[in-house]
PDB file of N, CA and C in Angstrom:
ATOM      1  N   MET A   1      -3.078  33.570  22.365  1.00  0.00           N
ATOM      2  CA  MET A   1      -2.094  34.362  23.059  1.00  0.00           C
ATOM      3  C   MET A   1      -1.150  34.952  22.014  1.00  0.00           C
ATOM      4  N   VAL A   2      -0.838  36.198  22.183  1.00  0.00           N
ATOM      5  CA  VAL A   2       0.035  36.888  21.248  1.00  0.00           C
ATOM      6  C   VAL A   2       1.376  37.146  21.929  1.00  0.00           C
ATOM      7  N   VAL A   3       2.437  36.692  21.308  1.00  0.00           N
ATOM      8  CA  VAL A   3       3.791  36.921  21.821  1.00  0.00           C
ATOM      9  C   VAL A   3       4.643  37.487  20.700  1.00  0.00           C
ATOM     10  N   GLU A   4       5.769  38.012  21.061  1.00  0.00           N
ATOM     11  CA  GLU A   4       6.696  38.548  20.072  1.00  0.00           C
ATOM     12  C   GLU A   4       7.247  37.418  19.203  1.00  0.00           C
ATOM     13  N   PRO A   5       7.454  37.639  17.919  1.00  0.00           N
ATOM     14  CA  PRO A   5       7.940  36.574  17.024  1.00  0.00           C
ATOM     15  C   PRO A   5       9.290  35.990  17.415  1.00  0.00           C
ATOM     16  N   HIS A   6      10.157  36.789  18.023  1.00  0.00           N
ATOM     17  CA  HIS A   6      11.494  36.305  18.364  1.00  0.00           C
ATOM     18  C   HIS A   6      11.646  36.045  19.859  1.00  0.00           C
ATOM     19  N   SER A   7      10.530  35.926  20.557  1.00  0.00           N
ATOM     20  CA  SER A   7      10.554  35.685  21.995  1.00  0.00           C
ATOM     21  C   SER A   7      10.759  34.200  22.288  1.00  0.00           C
ATOM     22  N   ALA A   8      11.262  33.897  23.474  1.00  0.00           N
ATOM     23  CA  ALA A   8      11.428  32.503  23.887  1.00  0.00           C
ATOM     24  C   ALA A   8      10.070  31.840  24.111  1.00  0.00           C
ATOM     25  N   ALA A   9       9.018  32.634  24.306  1.00  0.00           N
ATOM     26  CA  ALA A   9       7.683  32.092  24.516  1.00  0.00           C
ATOM     27  C   ALA A   9       7.026  31.669  23.200  1.00  0.00           C
ATOM     28  N   ASN A  10       7.629  32.003  22.078  1.00  0.00           N
ATOM     29  CA  ASN A  10       7.072  31.644  20.774  1.00  0.00           C
ATOM     30  C   ASN A  10       7.468  30.203  20.458  1.00  0.00           C
ATOM     31  N   VAL A  11       6.606  29.251  20.833  1.00  0.00           N
ATOM     32  CA  VAL A  11       6.912  27.834  20.641  1.00  0.00           C
ATOM     33  C   VAL A  11       6.332  27.295  19.343  1.00  0.00           C
ATOM     34  N   LEU A  12       5.522  28.084  18.641  1.00  0.00           N
ATOM     35  CA  LEU A  12       4.922  27.669  17.389  1.00  0.00           C
ATOM     36  C   LEU A  12       5.268  28.688  16.318  1.00  0.00           C
ATOM     37  N   PRO A  13       6.425  28.519  15.686  1.00  0.00           N
ATOM     38  CA  PRO A  13       6.826  29.495  14.682  1.00  0.00           C
ATOM     39  C   PRO A  13       5.928  29.401  13.444  1.00  0.00           C
ATOM     40  N   VAL A  14       5.435  30.522  13.018  1.00  0.00           N
ATOM     41  CA  VAL A  14       4.548  30.577  11.867  1.00  0.00           C
ATOM     42  C   VAL A  14       5.087  31.636  10.914  1.00  0.00           C
ATOM     43  N   ASN A  15       5.115  31.294   9.635  1.00  0.00           N
ATOM     44  CA  ASN A  15       5.546  32.266   8.640  1.00  0.00           C
ATOM     45  C   ASN A  15       4.528  32.291   7.508  1.00  0.00           C
ATOM     46  N   GLY A  16       4.759  33.139   6.521  1.00  0.00           N
ATOM     47  CA  GLY A  16       3.814  33.304   5.429  1.00  0.00           C
ATOM     48  C   GLY A  16       3.595  32.040   4.624  1.00  0.00           C
ATOM     49  N   ALA A  17       4.658  31.326   4.311  1.00  0.00           N
ATOM     50  CA  ALA A  17       4.534  30.100   3.526  1.00  0.00           C
ATOM     51  C   ALA A  17       3.751  29.041   4.296  1.00  0.00           C
ATOM     52  N   ASP A  18       3.975  28.968   5.586  1.00  0.00           N
ATOM     53  CA  ASP A  18       3.263  28.022   6.431  1.00  0.00           C
ATOM     54  C   ASP A  18       1.773  28.349   6.473  1.00  0.00           C
ATOM     55  N   ASN A  19       1.450  29.629   6.544  1.00  0.00           N
ATOM     56  CA  ASN A  19       0.052  30.048   6.553  1.00  0.00           C
ATOM     57  C   ASN A  19      -0.642  29.653   5.248  1.00  0.00           C
ATOM     58  N   TRP A  20      -0.004  29.902   4.109  1.00  0.00           N
ATOM     59  CA  TRP A  20      -0.593  29.565   2.809  1.00  0.00           C
ATOM     60  C   TRP A  20      -0.737  28.056   2.640  1.00  0.00           C
ATOM     61  N   LEU A  21       0.246  27.308   3.120  1.00  0.00           N
ATOM     62  CA  LEU A  21       0.178  25.856   3.034  1.00  0.00           C
ATOM     63  C   LEU A  21      -1.035  25.320   3.796  1.00  0.00           C
ATOM     64  N   HIS A  22      -1.216  25.769   5.021  1.00  0.00           N
ATOM     65  CA  HIS A  22      -2.328  25.282   5.823  1.00  0.00           C
ATOM     66  C   HIS A  22      -3.673  25.773   5.300  1.00  0.00           C
ATOM     67  N   LEU A  23      -3.722  26.966   4.750  1.00  0.00           N
ATOM     68  CA  LEU A  23      -4.955  27.440   4.143  1.00  0.00           C
ATOM     69  C   LEU A  23      -5.319  26.579   2.936  1.00  0.00           C
ATOM     70  N   GLY A  24      -4.328  26.304   2.085  1.00  0.00           N
ATOM     71  CA  GLY A  24      -4.572  25.471   0.908  1.00  0.00           C
ATOM     72  C   GLY A  24      -4.990  24.063   1.280  1.00  0.00           C
ATOM     73  N   LEU A  25      -4.311  23.463   2.229  1.00  0.00           N
ATOM     74  CA  LEU A  25      -4.672  22.116   2.667  1.00  0.00           C
ATOM     75  C   LEU A  25      -6.073  22.085   3.275  1.00  0.00           C
ATOM     76  N   GLY A  26      -6.401  23.103   4.042  1.00  0.00           N
ATOM     77  CA  GLY A  26      -7.728  23.170   4.642  1.00  0.00           C
ATOM     78  C   GLY A  26      -8.825  23.263   3.595  1.00  0.00           C
ATOM     79  N   VAL A  27      -8.615  24.087   2.580  1.00  0.00           N
ATOM     80  CA  VAL A  27      -9.610  24.234   1.518  1.00  0.00           C
ATOM     81  C   VAL A  27      -9.749  22.937   0.734  1.00  0.00           C
ATOM     82  N   ILE A  28      -8.634  22.302   0.405  1.00  0.00           N
ATOM     83  CA  ILE A  28      -8.665  21.046  -0.355  1.00  0.00           C
ATOM     84  C   ILE A  28      -9.364  19.946   0.438  1.00  0.00           C
ATOM     85  N   LEU A  29      -9.003  19.792   1.704  1.00  0.00           N
ATOM     86  CA  LEU A  29      -9.604  18.738   2.513  1.00  0.00           C
ATOM     87  C   LEU A  29     -11.079  19.006   2.791  1.00  0.00           C
ATOM     88  N   LEU A  30     -11.444  20.262   2.971  1.00  0.00           N
ATOM     89  CA  LEU A  30     -12.848  20.600   3.148  1.00  0.00           C
ATOM     90  C   LEU A  30     -13.635  20.273   1.886  1.00  0.00           C
ATOM     91  N   GLY A  31     -13.077  20.606   0.730  1.00  0.00           N
ATOM     92  CA  GLY A  31     -13.731  20.281  -0.534  1.00  0.00           C
ATOM     93  C   GLY A  31     -13.870  18.784  -0.740  1.00  0.00           C
ATOM     94  N   LEU A  32     -12.822  18.032  -0.420  1.00  0.00           N
ATOM     95  CA  LEU A  32     -12.899  16.577  -0.545  1.00  0.00           C
ATOM     96  C   LEU A  32     -13.931  15.987   0.419  1.00  0.00           C
ATOM     97  N   GLY A  33     -13.972  16.488   1.619  1.00  0.00           N
ATOM     98  CA  GLY A  33     -14.930  15.996   2.595  1.00  0.00           C
ATOM     99  C   GLY A  33     -16.364  16.270   2.179  1.00  0.00           C
ATOM    100  N   LEU A  34     -16.621  17.461   1.675  1.00  0.00           N
ATOM    101  CA  LEU A  34     -17.966  17.788   1.235  1.00  0.00           C
ATOM    102  C   LEU A  34     -18.332  17.043  -0.042  1.00  0.00           C
ATOM    103  N   GLY A  35     -17.386  16.930  -0.954  1.00  0.00           N
ATOM    104  CA  GLY A  35     -17.660  16.277  -2.234  1.00  0.00           C
ATOM    105  C   GLY A  35     -17.812  14.777  -2.125  1.00  0.00           C
ATOM    106  N   LEU A  36     -16.920  14.146  -1.391  1.00  0.00           N
ATOM    107  CA  LEU A  36     -16.961  12.695  -1.275  1.00  0.00           C
ATOM    108  C   LEU A  36     -17.905  12.233  -0.175  1.00  0.00           C
ATOM    109  N   GLY A  37     -18.123  13.048   0.822  1.00  0.00           N
ATOM    110  CA  GLY A  37     -18.974  12.668   1.939  1.00  0.00           C
ATOM    111  C   GLY A  37     -20.431  12.506   1.535  1.00  0.00           C
ATOM    112  N   ARG A  38     -20.915  13.346   0.658  1.00  0.00           N
ATOM    113  CA  ARG A  38     -22.316  13.270   0.255  1.00  0.00           C
ATOM    114  C   ARG A  38     -22.563  12.043  -0.619  1.00  0.00           C
ATOM    115  N   GLY A  39     -21.623  11.665  -1.466  1.00  0.00           N
ATOM    116  CA  GLY A  39     -21.784  10.493  -2.307  1.00  0.00           C
ATOM    117  C   GLY A  39     -21.708   9.202  -1.511  1.00  0.00           C
ATOM    118  N   ALA A  40     -20.893   9.174  -0.490  1.00  0.00           N
ATOM    119  CA  ALA A  40     -20.714   7.962   0.312  1.00  0.00           C
ATOM    120  C   ALA A  40     -21.887   7.751   1.264  1.00  0.00           C
ATOM    121  N   GLN A  41     -22.631   8.782   1.554  1.00  0.00           N
ATOM    122  CA  GLN A  41     -23.721   8.680   2.511  1.00  0.00           C
ATOM    123  C   GLN A  41     -24.814   7.737   1.996  1.00  0.00           C
ATOM    124  N   GLY A  42     -25.121   7.761   0.723  1.00  0.00           N
ATOM    125  CA  GLY A  42     -26.153   6.900   0.170  1.00  0.00           C
ATOM    126  C   GLY A  42     -25.712   5.452   0.057  1.00  0.00           C
ATOM    127  N   ARG A  43     -24.421   5.205  -0.059  1.00  0.00           N
ATOM    128  CA  ARG A  43     -23.897   3.849  -0.235  1.00  0.00           C
ATOM    129  C   ARG A  43     -23.776   3.072   1.069  1.00  0.00           C
ATOM    130  N   VAL A  44     -23.778   3.738   2.198  1.00  0.00           N
ATOM    131  CA  VAL A  44     -23.554   3.057   3.475  1.00  0.00           C
ATOM    132  C   VAL A  44     -24.742   2.157   3.815  1.00  0.00           C
ATOM    133  N   GLY A  45     -25.953   2.637   3.637  1.00  0.00           N
ATOM    134  CA  GLY A  45     -27.122   1.874   4.027  1.00  0.00           C
ATOM    135  C   GLY A  45     -27.539   0.803   3.031  1.00  0.00           C
ATOM    136  N   GLY A  46     -27.029   0.842   1.817  1.00  0.00           N
ATOM    137  CA  GLY A  46     -27.559  -0.115   0.866  1.00  0.00           C
ATOM    138  C   GLY A  46     -26.523  -0.702   0.051  1.00  0.00           C
TER     139      GLY A  46
END
């Protein structure tokens, strides 16, 4: 849903710094999940 930035309906304020923070965290966590997840998969069964 798209609302005006200064409207009372805007309950989730988002700004540029917030967008970059979440993008960076998403990339880092995705990389950690892919990198560490594949190594841990072989150790679970044995």
